[in-house]
């Protein structure tokens, strides 16, 4: 019984950890698609059957998904909201077009399945179908991209005699247009323009911090949304006051994949340029310890607590596992924060002036979160005449916002590439 409790806890905490420990009712296997319907499809479209491959992924529950393909390296990437998965077992040397399959949590709240393929492929079909006991399965059919010489015209008049009353659908390649992408999973980015309402922030040279950072956040949101790759929300999109704690809580409640606080700086010196702040290490260590202490009360239900409390050794073991997992989550989020910071500095440096040491640590209230990768960007100094002019320039806003979009793209691509082979 204690094993069941531990498995349940792990399912709650992470999808990748349970792939081998929580088998689903539906088998997940990779095998060539050779049923009657596929043979008819091949005859109608003139495509060969020997390389088309169908594989099935078991899911703990039905969910949405997005599929895309890469040529270098050759992969099929399936992105879903966080869910436990049971992967196909691919034999050594591969099976059909599939050479390997693996899964991991690339971002908070997201599960990605990476399918290595032997040659360039297109996704011909994918669908999530219900299975027993509330579980589900994701069926995917892939085929080679290289066109095959069509055979002679096929007589479809006898299809109904084979139990198919209508012409079967023609396989379609994976699409990447915006409407199709909007159906799948997109990571959520929360933007937090600083100050607002009665809190104007720094002011000089005719610049009010709350106004310029709100204007910049709106431009950045527009640019991010236009890519079709992200969901974007703001802690506020008008001139209102929002407390610091509420800003941080908003990102945590939304389970944001990235939280970006946007400010403008002030100094009694000639300081100029942008700075990016992440959470001070000492504060991060404190959060890691606090997360371990709170993990059991947040995750274990009263019923489970009553059960394991009767066995002190079991309770200690469960709480220890939860504490380790919670601390690991904090550590992973801090690592992700540092990765994004490096990309942001590289890209912003080509669009605007940066401080001599642009990455700094601080204990800002909005960064004190254990649940979300978070940074605070000081765009420029209102106390510097050149920076003040930049902050009011629409062209400058678009340039810097564009550099951050590129940094965000690189960050999420890097996160995907870190799933172990």
Protein backbone atom coordinates (compact mmCIF):
# COMPACT_ATOMS: atom_id res chain seq x y z
CA UNK A 1 0.00 0.00 0.00
CA UNK A 2 2.87 2.40 0.70
CA UNK A 3 4.09 1.92 -2.88
CA UNK A 4 0.71 3.05 -4.21
CA UNK A 5 0.87 6.17 -2.09
CA UNK A 6 4.33 7.02 -3.36
CA UNK A 7 3.30 6.49 -6.98
CA UNK A 8 0.35 8.81 -6.51
CA UNK A 9 2.57 11.49 -5.05
CA UNK A 10 5.00 11.26 -7.92
CA UNK A 11 2.18 11.56 -10.44
CA UNK A 12 1.20 14.79 -8.77
CA UNK A 13 4.66 16.22 -8.78
CA UNK A 14 6.11 15.30 -12.19
CA UNK A 15 5.10 13.53 -15.34
CA UNK A 16 8.50 12.26 -16.38
CA UNK A 17 9.13 10.53 -13.07
CA UNK A 18 6.21 8.15 -13.45
CA UNK A 19 6.57 6.97 -17.03
CA UNK A 20 7.98 3.66 -15.87
CA UNK A 21 6.17 3.45 -12.51
CA UNK A 22 2.57 4.09 -13.49
CA UNK A 23 1.68 1.82 -16.43
CA UNK A 24 -1.61 2.66 -18.05
CA UNK A 25 -4.34 0.26 -19.07
CA UNK A 26 -3.72 0.80 -22.76
CA UNK A 27 -0.49 -0.69 -24.15
CA UNK A 28 1.87 1.78 -25.73
CA UNK A 29 3.73 0.20 -28.64
CA UNK A 30 5.28 1.30 -31.91
CA UNK A 31 4.44 -0.71 -35.00
CA UNK A 32 3.92 -0.18 -38.74
CA UNK A 33 0.40 0.84 -39.76
CA UNK A 34 -0.81 -2.03 -41.95
CA UNK A 35 -4.55 -2.19 -41.34
CA UNK A 36 -7.15 -2.20 -44.13
CA UNK A 37 -7.82 1.54 -43.92
CA UNK A 38 -4.15 2.40 -44.35
CA UNK A 39 -3.82 0.05 -47.30
CA UNK A 40 -6.74 1.83 -48.94
CA UNK A 41 -5.17 5.20 -48.20
CA UNK A 42 -1.92 4.10 -49.77
CA UNK A 43 -3.68 2.82 -52.88
CA UNK A 44 -5.67 6.06 -53.27
CA UNK A 45 -2.69 8.38 -52.69
CA UNK A 46 -0.04 6.25 -54.39
CA UNK A 47 2.13 6.08 -51.24
CA UNK A 48 4.01 3.00 -50.10
CA UNK A 49 3.23 1.24 -46.82
CA UNK A 50 6.61 -0.08 -45.75
CA UNK A 51 7.81 3.06 -43.95
CA UNK A 52 4.68 4.65 -42.56
CA UNK A 53 4.74 4.14 -38.79
CA UNK A 54 2.03 4.37 -36.15
CA UNK A 55 2.81 4.71 -32.45
CA UNK A 56 0.64 5.10 -29.38
CA UNK A 57 1.39 7.06 -26.19
CA UNK A 58 -0.61 6.24 -23.06
CA UNK A 59 -1.94 9.25 -21.13
CA UNK A 60 -3.15 9.43 -17.55
CA UNK A 61 -6.01 11.66 -18.75
CA UNK A 62 -7.27 13.24 -22.00
CA UNK A 63 -5.42 16.44 -22.91
CA UNK A 64 -4.63 18.81 -25.77
CA UNK A 65 -1.45 18.46 -27.78
CA UNK A 66 0.67 20.18 -30.41
CA UNK A 67 2.98 18.38 -32.83
CA UNK A 68 5.82 19.77 -34.89
CA UNK A 69 8.73 18.27 -36.80
CA UNK A 70 12.42 19.17 -36.99
CA UNK A 71 14.88 18.28 -39.74
CA UNK A 72 18.10 18.91 -37.82
CA UNK A 73 18.08 16.94 -35.61
CA UNK A 74 15.34 14.76 -37.11
CA UNK A 75 12.58 14.66 -34.55
CA UNK A 76 8.86 14.74 -33.99
CA UNK A 77 8.07 16.91 -30.95
CA UNK A 78 4.79 16.49 -29.09
CA UNK A 79 3.96 19.17 -26.50
CA UNK A 80 1.16 18.78 -23.94
CA UNK A 81 0.11 20.30 -20.64
CA UNK A 82 1.74 18.42 -17.76
CA UNK A 83 0.47 14.83 -17.77
CA UNK A 84 1.78 11.37 -16.88
CA UNK A 85 2.71 9.39 -20.00
CA UNK A 86 3.48 5.78 -20.89
CA UNK A 87 5.82 5.62 -23.86
CA UNK A 88 6.16 3.05 -26.65
CA UNK A 89 9.00 0.56 -26.23
CA UNK A 90 11.25 0.90 -29.25
CA UNK A 91 13.60 -2.06 -29.86
CA UNK A 92 17.33 -1.53 -30.44
CA UNK A 93 17.84 -0.32 -33.97
CA UNK A 94 14.39 1.29 -34.09
CA UNK A 95 11.08 0.27 -35.58
CA UNK A 96 9.82 1.68 -38.86
CA UNK A 97 10.66 5.38 -38.95
CA UNK A 98 11.03 5.62 -35.16
CA UNK A 99 14.50 5.16 -33.64
CA UNK A 100 13.88 6.35 -30.05
CA UNK A 101 11.22 7.94 -27.84
CA UNK A 102 11.69 9.87 -24.61
CA UNK A 103 9.74 12.36 -22.49
CA UNK A 104 10.40 15.07 -19.93
CA UNK A 105 9.17 18.27 -18.32
CA UNK A 106 10.81 20.97 -20.43
CA UNK A 107 8.90 23.82 -18.79
CA UNK A 108 6.73 24.29 -15.72
CA UNK A 109 3.34 22.81 -16.55
CA UNK A 110 4.46 21.20 -19.82
CA UNK A 111 5.29 17.63 -20.85
CA UNK A 112 7.19 17.08 -24.09
CA UNK A 113 7.65 13.79 -25.92
CA UNK A 114 10.60 13.65 -28.32
CA UNK A 115 10.45 11.04 -31.09
CA UNK A 116 13.73 10.51 -32.93
CA UNK A 117 13.20 9.48 -36.55
CA UNK A 118 15.43 7.87 -39.15
CA UNK A 119 14.66 10.37 -41.94
CA UNK A 120 12.61 13.51 -42.56
CA UNK A 121 8.95 12.81 -41.85
CA UNK A 122 5.54 14.44 -41.89
CA UNK A 123 2.75 13.89 -39.39
CA UNK A 124 -0.15 12.37 -41.26
CA UNK A 125 -2.53 11.87 -38.35
CA UNK A 126 -2.78 12.50 -34.62
CA UNK A 127 -5.65 12.22 -32.15
CA UNK A 128 -6.28 11.76 -28.44
CA UNK A 129 -8.79 8.99 -27.79
CA UNK A 130 -10.40 7.95 -24.49
CA UNK A 131 -9.39 4.64 -22.93
CA UNK A 132 -10.46 2.67 -19.86
CA UNK A 133 -10.80 4.14 -16.35
CA UNK A 134 -10.57 7.75 -17.49
CA UNK A 135 -7.18 7.33 -19.17
CA UNK A 136 -6.49 8.16 -22.81
CA UNK A 137 -4.13 7.40 -25.66
CA UNK A 138 -2.49 9.63 -28.23
CA UNK A 139 -2.25 7.96 -31.63
CA UNK A 140 0.22 9.36 -34.16
CA UNK A 141 0.97 8.27 -37.72
CA UNK A 142 4.10 9.55 -39.46
CA UNK A 143 5.31 8.99 -43.00
CA UNK A 144 8.34 9.90 -45.11
CA UNK A 145 8.42 13.38 -46.64
CA UNK A 146 10.02 12.37 -49.94
CA UNK A 147 7.25 11.88 -52.50
CA UNK A 148 6.89 8.46 -54.11
CA UNK A 149 5.99 7.98 -57.74
CA UNK A 150 2.24 7.43 -57.95
CA UNK A 151 0.90 4.21 -59.36
CA UNK A 152 -1.90 3.89 -61.86
CA UNK A 153 -5.28 5.31 -60.92
CA UNK A 154 -7.07 3.28 -58.29
CA UNK A 155 -10.68 2.17 -58.75
CA UNK A 156 -12.60 3.29 -55.64
CA UNK A 157 -15.94 1.87 -56.74
CA UNK A 158 -15.58 -1.20 -54.54
CA UNK A 159 -14.72 0.55 -51.29
CA UNK A 160 -18.19 0.10 -49.81
CA UNK A 161 -17.92 -3.69 -50.19
CA UNK A 162 -14.95 -3.57 -47.79
CA UNK A 163 -17.03 -1.93 -45.09
CA UNK A 164 -15.93 1.62 -45.88
CA UNK A 165 -18.86 3.69 -47.07
CA UNK A 166 -16.91 6.83 -47.93
CA UNK A 167 -13.49 7.62 -49.25
CA UNK A 168 -11.05 7.66 -46.33
CA UNK A 169 -9.38 10.97 -45.46
CA UNK A 170 -6.18 11.80 -47.29
CA UNK A 171 -3.17 12.09 -44.93
CA UNK A 172 -2.13 15.69 -44.33
CA UNK A 173 1.36 16.96 -43.44
CA UNK A 174 1.87 18.71 -40.12
CA UNK A 175 0.91 22.38 -40.37
CA UNK A 176 2.52 25.37 -38.72
CA UNK A 177 0.05 28.14 -39.45
CA UNK A 178 -1.26 30.28 -36.59
CA UNK A 179 -4.82 28.86 -36.35
CA UNK A 180 -3.45 25.32 -36.10
CA UNK A 181 -0.86 26.27 -33.50
CA UNK A 182 -3.51 27.99 -31.39
CA UNK A 183 -5.16 24.59 -30.77
CA UNK A 184 -2.10 23.17 -29.03
CA UNK A 185 -0.20 23.90 -25.85
CA UNK A 186 1.57 27.25 -25.61
CA UNK A 187 3.67 28.25 -22.60
CA UNK A 188 2.31 31.16 -20.56
CA UNK A 189 4.46 34.25 -20.08
CA UNK A 190 3.41 36.78 -17.42
CA UNK A 191 4.59 40.37 -17.90
CA UNK A 192 4.61 42.70 -14.89
CA UNK A 193 5.03 46.41 -15.72
CA UNK A 194 6.26 48.06 -12.53
CA UNK A 195 4.40 50.60 -10.42
CA UNK A 196 1.07 52.08 -11.54
CA UNK A 197 -1.81 54.11 -10.12
CA UNK A 198 -0.76 56.11 -7.06
CA UNK A 199 2.79 54.71 -7.37
CA UNK A 200 4.48 56.56 -10.23
CA UNK A 201 7.96 55.08 -9.74
CA UNK A 202 11.05 57.04 -10.77
CA UNK A 203 10.61 60.42 -12.50
CA UNK A 204 13.00 62.77 -14.30
CA UNK A 205 13.46 64.54 -17.64
CA UNK A 206 9.70 64.40 -18.17
CA UNK A 207 9.63 60.61 -17.87
CA UNK A 208 7.37 58.77 -15.42
CA UNK A 209 8.50 55.18 -14.86
CA UNK A 210 5.00 53.73 -14.59
CA UNK A 211 4.06 55.14 -18.01
CA UNK A 212 7.11 54.03 -20.01
CA UNK A 213 7.27 50.50 -18.60
CA UNK A 214 3.55 49.96 -19.22
CA UNK A 215 3.99 51.16 -22.80
CA UNK A 216 6.95 48.80 -23.27
CA UNK A 217 5.08 45.83 -21.75
CA UNK A 218 2.19 46.36 -24.17
CA UNK A 219 4.60 46.34 -27.12
CA UNK A 220 6.33 43.19 -25.85
CA UNK A 221 3.00 41.45 -25.32
CA UNK A 222 1.88 42.31 -28.85
CA UNK A 223 5.11 40.98 -30.34
CA UNK A 224 4.96 37.75 -28.35
CA UNK A 225 1.31 37.07 -29.17
CA UNK A 226 1.95 37.70 -32.87
CA UNK A 227 4.36 34.75 -32.98
CA UNK A 228 1.52 32.35 -32.17
CA UNK A 229 3.88 30.42 -29.88
CA UNK A 230 2.91 31.85 -26.50
CA UNK A 231 0.05 32.80 -24.24
CA UNK A 232 0.75 36.16 -22.62
CA UNK A 233 -0.90 37.79 -19.61
CA UNK A 234 -0.07 40.96 -17.70
CA UNK A 235 -0.45 41.69 -14.01
CA UNK A 236 -2.14 44.90 -15.17
CA UNK A 237 -2.61 46.52 -18.58
CA UNK A 238 -3.77 49.96 -17.42
CA UNK A 239 -2.62 52.63 -14.96
CA UNK A 240 -3.66 50.88 -11.72
CA UNK A 241 -1.88 49.98 -8.52
CA UNK A 242 -1.10 46.30 -7.86
CA UNK A 243 0.72 45.20 -4.69
CA UNK A 244 4.08 43.46 -5.03
CA UNK A 245 2.83 40.26 -3.39
CA UNK A 246 -0.19 40.13 -5.70
CA UNK A 247 2.04 40.43 -8.77
CA UNK A 248 4.09 37.42 -7.69
CA UNK A 249 1.00 35.43 -6.64
CA UNK A 250 -0.60 36.11 -10.03
CA UNK A 251 2.28 34.41 -11.83
CA UNK A 252 2.24 31.47 -9.41
CA UNK A 253 -1.53 30.97 -9.67
CA UNK A 254 -1.30 31.00 -13.47
CA UNK A 255 1.59 28.49 -13.36
CA UNK A 256 3.56 30.77 -15.66
CA UNK A 257 6.43 29.31 -17.66
CA UNK A 258 8.26 32.65 -17.32
CA UNK A 259 7.69 35.81 -15.26
CA UNK A 260 9.23 39.10 -16.42
CA UNK A 261 8.98 42.22 -14.24
CA UNK A 262 9.68 45.41 -16.21
CA UNK A 263 11.08 48.59 -14.61
CA UNK A 264 13.19 51.67 -15.28
CA UNK A 265 16.01 52.61 -12.90
CA UNK A 266 17.18 55.81 -11.14
CA UNK A 267 20.65 56.74 -9.89
CA UNK A 268 22.43 59.81 -8.53
CA UNK A 269 25.24 59.16 -10.99
CA UNK A 270 25.78 58.87 -14.73
CA UNK A 271 24.66 55.25 -14.75
CA UNK A 272 23.26 54.19 -18.12
CA UNK A 273 21.85 51.08 -19.75
CA UNK A 274 19.79 48.00 -18.99
CA UNK A 275 20.22 45.58 -16.08
CA UNK A 276 18.66 42.15 -15.48
CA UNK A 277 18.13 40.97 -11.93
CA UNK A 278 17.59 37.45 -10.65
CA UNK A 279 16.96 36.32 -7.09
CA UNK A 280 19.85 36.61 -4.65
CA UNK A 281 21.35 33.17 -3.88
CA UNK A 282 20.91 33.49 -0.10
CA UNK A 283 17.20 34.20 -0.53
CA UNK A 284 16.87 31.38 -3.06
CA UNK A 285 18.40 28.93 -0.57
CA UNK A 286 15.88 30.07 2.04
CA UNK A 287 13.03 29.48 -0.43
CA UNK A 288 14.36 26.00 -1.16
CA UNK A 289 14.25 25.08 2.52
CA UNK A 290 10.77 26.57 2.94
CA UNK A 291 9.49 24.65 -0.08
CA UNK A 292 10.65 21.37 1.46
CA UNK A 293 8.88 22.15 4.74
CA UNK A 294 5.61 23.02 3.02
CA UNK A 295 5.54 20.25 0.43
CA UNK A 296 3.71 17.59 2.44
CA UNK A 297 0.88 19.85 3.61
CA UNK A 298 0.29 21.10 0.07
CA UNK A 299 0.35 17.74 -1.73
CA UNK A 300 -0.85 14.99 0.63
CA UNK A 301 -4.60 14.70 1.10
CA UNK A 302 -6.12 14.29 4.60
CA UNK A 303 -7.03 10.68 3.77
CA UNK A 304 -3.48 9.83 2.75
CA UNK A 305 -2.10 11.61 5.81
CA UNK A 306 -4.34 9.54 8.11
CA UNK A 307 -3.15 6.36 6.44
CA UNK A 308 0.56 7.02 6.53
CA UNK A 309 0.43 8.60 10.01
CA UNK A 310 -0.35 5.15 11.36
CA UNK A 311 3.06 4.08 10.11
CA UNK A 312 5.66 6.69 11.18
CA UNK A 313 8.39 5.21 8.98
CA UNK A 314 6.14 5.49 5.91
CA UNK A 315 5.21 9.08 6.78
CA UNK A 316 8.87 10.06 7.15
CA UNK A 317 9.68 8.42 3.81
CA UNK A 318 6.83 10.17 1.99
CA UNK A 319 7.66 13.56 3.50
CA UNK A 320 11.30 13.07 2.64
CA UNK A 321 10.49 12.33 -1.00
CA UNK A 322 8.17 15.34 -1.21
CA UNK A 323 10.78 17.58 0.33
CA UNK A 324 13.42 16.43 -2.15
CA UNK A 325 11.06 16.95 -5.09
CA UNK A 326 10.04 20.42 -3.89
CA UNK A 327 13.66 21.48 -3.43
CA UNK A 328 14.50 20.13 -6.87
CA UNK A 329 11.68 22.19 -8.39
CA UNK A 330 13.10 25.35 -6.79
CA UNK A 331 16.58 24.51 -8.05
CA UNK A 332 15.33 23.82 -11.59
CA UNK A 333 13.44 27.12 -11.70
CA UNK A 334 16.53 29.02 -10.56
CA UNK A 335 18.61 27.29 -13.22
CA UNK A 336 16.02 28.19 -15.86
CA UNK A 337 16.09 31.79 -14.66
CA UNK A 338 19.86 31.92 -15.18
CA UNK A 339 19.56 30.38 -18.65
CA UNK A 340 16.97 32.96 -19.72
CA UNK A 341 19.06 35.78 -18.24
CA UNK A 342 22.04 34.79 -20.41
CA UNK A 343 19.90 34.74 -23.57
CA UNK A 344 18.28 38.08 -22.66
CA UNK A 345 21.63 39.79 -22.11
CA UNK A 346 23.02 38.45 -25.40
CA UNK A 347 20.02 39.63 -27.41
CA UNK A 348 19.32 42.95 -25.66
CA UNK A 349 23.00 43.86 -25.96
CA UNK A 350 22.53 44.12 -29.73
CA UNK A 351 19.47 46.38 -29.37
CA UNK A 352 20.32 48.78 -26.54
CA UNK A 353 23.03 49.88 -24.12
CA UNK A 354 23.67 47.49 -21.20
CA UNK A 355 25.36 48.07 -17.84
CA UNK A 356 28.97 46.92 -17.60
CA UNK A 357 27.81 44.04 -15.39
CA UNK A 358 24.26 43.56 -16.67
CA UNK A 359 23.36 40.47 -14.60
CA UNK A 360 22.89 41.23 -10.92
CA UNK A 361 21.22 39.61 -7.95
CA UNK A 362 18.67 41.20 -5.65
CA UNK A 363 15.95 40.30 -3.15
CA UNK A 364 13.10 42.11 -4.92
CA UNK A 365 9.70 41.00 -3.61
CA UNK A 366 8.38 40.03 -7.04
CA UNK A 367 11.31 37.60 -7.52
CA UNK A 368 10.73 35.71 -4.26
CA UNK A 369 9.00 32.74 -5.81
CA UNK A 370 9.95 29.08 -5.75
CA UNK A 371 7.47 28.12 -8.45
CA UNK A 372 8.22 30.26 -11.52
CA UNK A 373 11.41 31.23 -13.41
CA UNK A 374 11.52 35.00 -12.76
CA UNK A 375 13.59 38.03 -13.74
CA UNK A 376 13.33 41.78 -13.25
CA UNK A 377 14.54 43.91 -16.15
CA UNK A 378 15.55 47.54 -15.58
CA UNK A 379 15.24 48.81 -19.16
CA UNK A 380 17.20 52.04 -18.70
CA UNK A 381 17.76 54.95 -16.31
CA UNK A 382 15.20 57.76 -16.21
CA UNK A 383 17.95 59.76 -14.48
CA UNK A 384 20.15 59.58 -17.59
CA UNK A 385 19.18 61.97 -20.36
CA UNK A 386 20.05 59.54 -23.18
CA UNK A 387 18.22 56.67 -21.49
CA UNK A 388 15.20 58.88 -20.83
CA UNK A 389 15.00 59.64 -24.55
CA UNK A 390 15.25 55.94 -25.36
CA UNK A 391 12.43 55.08 -22.98
CA UNK A 392 10.10 57.44 -24.84
CA UNK A 393 11.09 56.23 -28.32
CA UNK A 394 8.62 53.93 -30.06
CA UNK A 395 11.37 52.67 -32.37
CA UNK A 396 13.58 51.79 -29.39
CA UNK A 397 10.72 49.95 -27.69
CA UNK A 398 10.16 47.81 -30.77
CA UNK A 399 13.87 47.03 -31.11
CA UNK A 400 14.29 45.97 -27.48
CA UNK A 401 10.98 44.08 -27.43
CA UNK A 402 12.07 42.23 -30.56
CA UNK A 403 15.35 41.27 -28.91
CA UNK A 404 13.47 39.87 -25.92
CA UNK A 405 11.18 37.83 -28.18
CA UNK A 406 14.30 36.28 -29.73
CA UNK A 407 15.72 35.61 -26.26
CA UNK A 408 12.45 33.94 -25.21
CA UNK A 409 12.44 31.80 -28.36
CA UNK A 410 16.01 30.67 -27.67
CA UNK A 411 15.20 29.98 -24.03
CA UNK A 412 12.29 27.67 -24.78
CA UNK A 413 14.21 25.94 -27.60
CA UNK A 414 17.07 25.35 -25.15
CA UNK A 415 14.68 23.93 -22.55
CA UNK A 416 13.33 21.47 -25.10
CA UNK A 417 16.82 20.36 -26.08
CA UNK A 418 17.67 19.48 -22.47
CA UNK A 419 15.40 16.42 -22.35
CA UNK A 420 17.88 13.55 -21.81
CA UNK A 421 18.57 11.24 -24.76
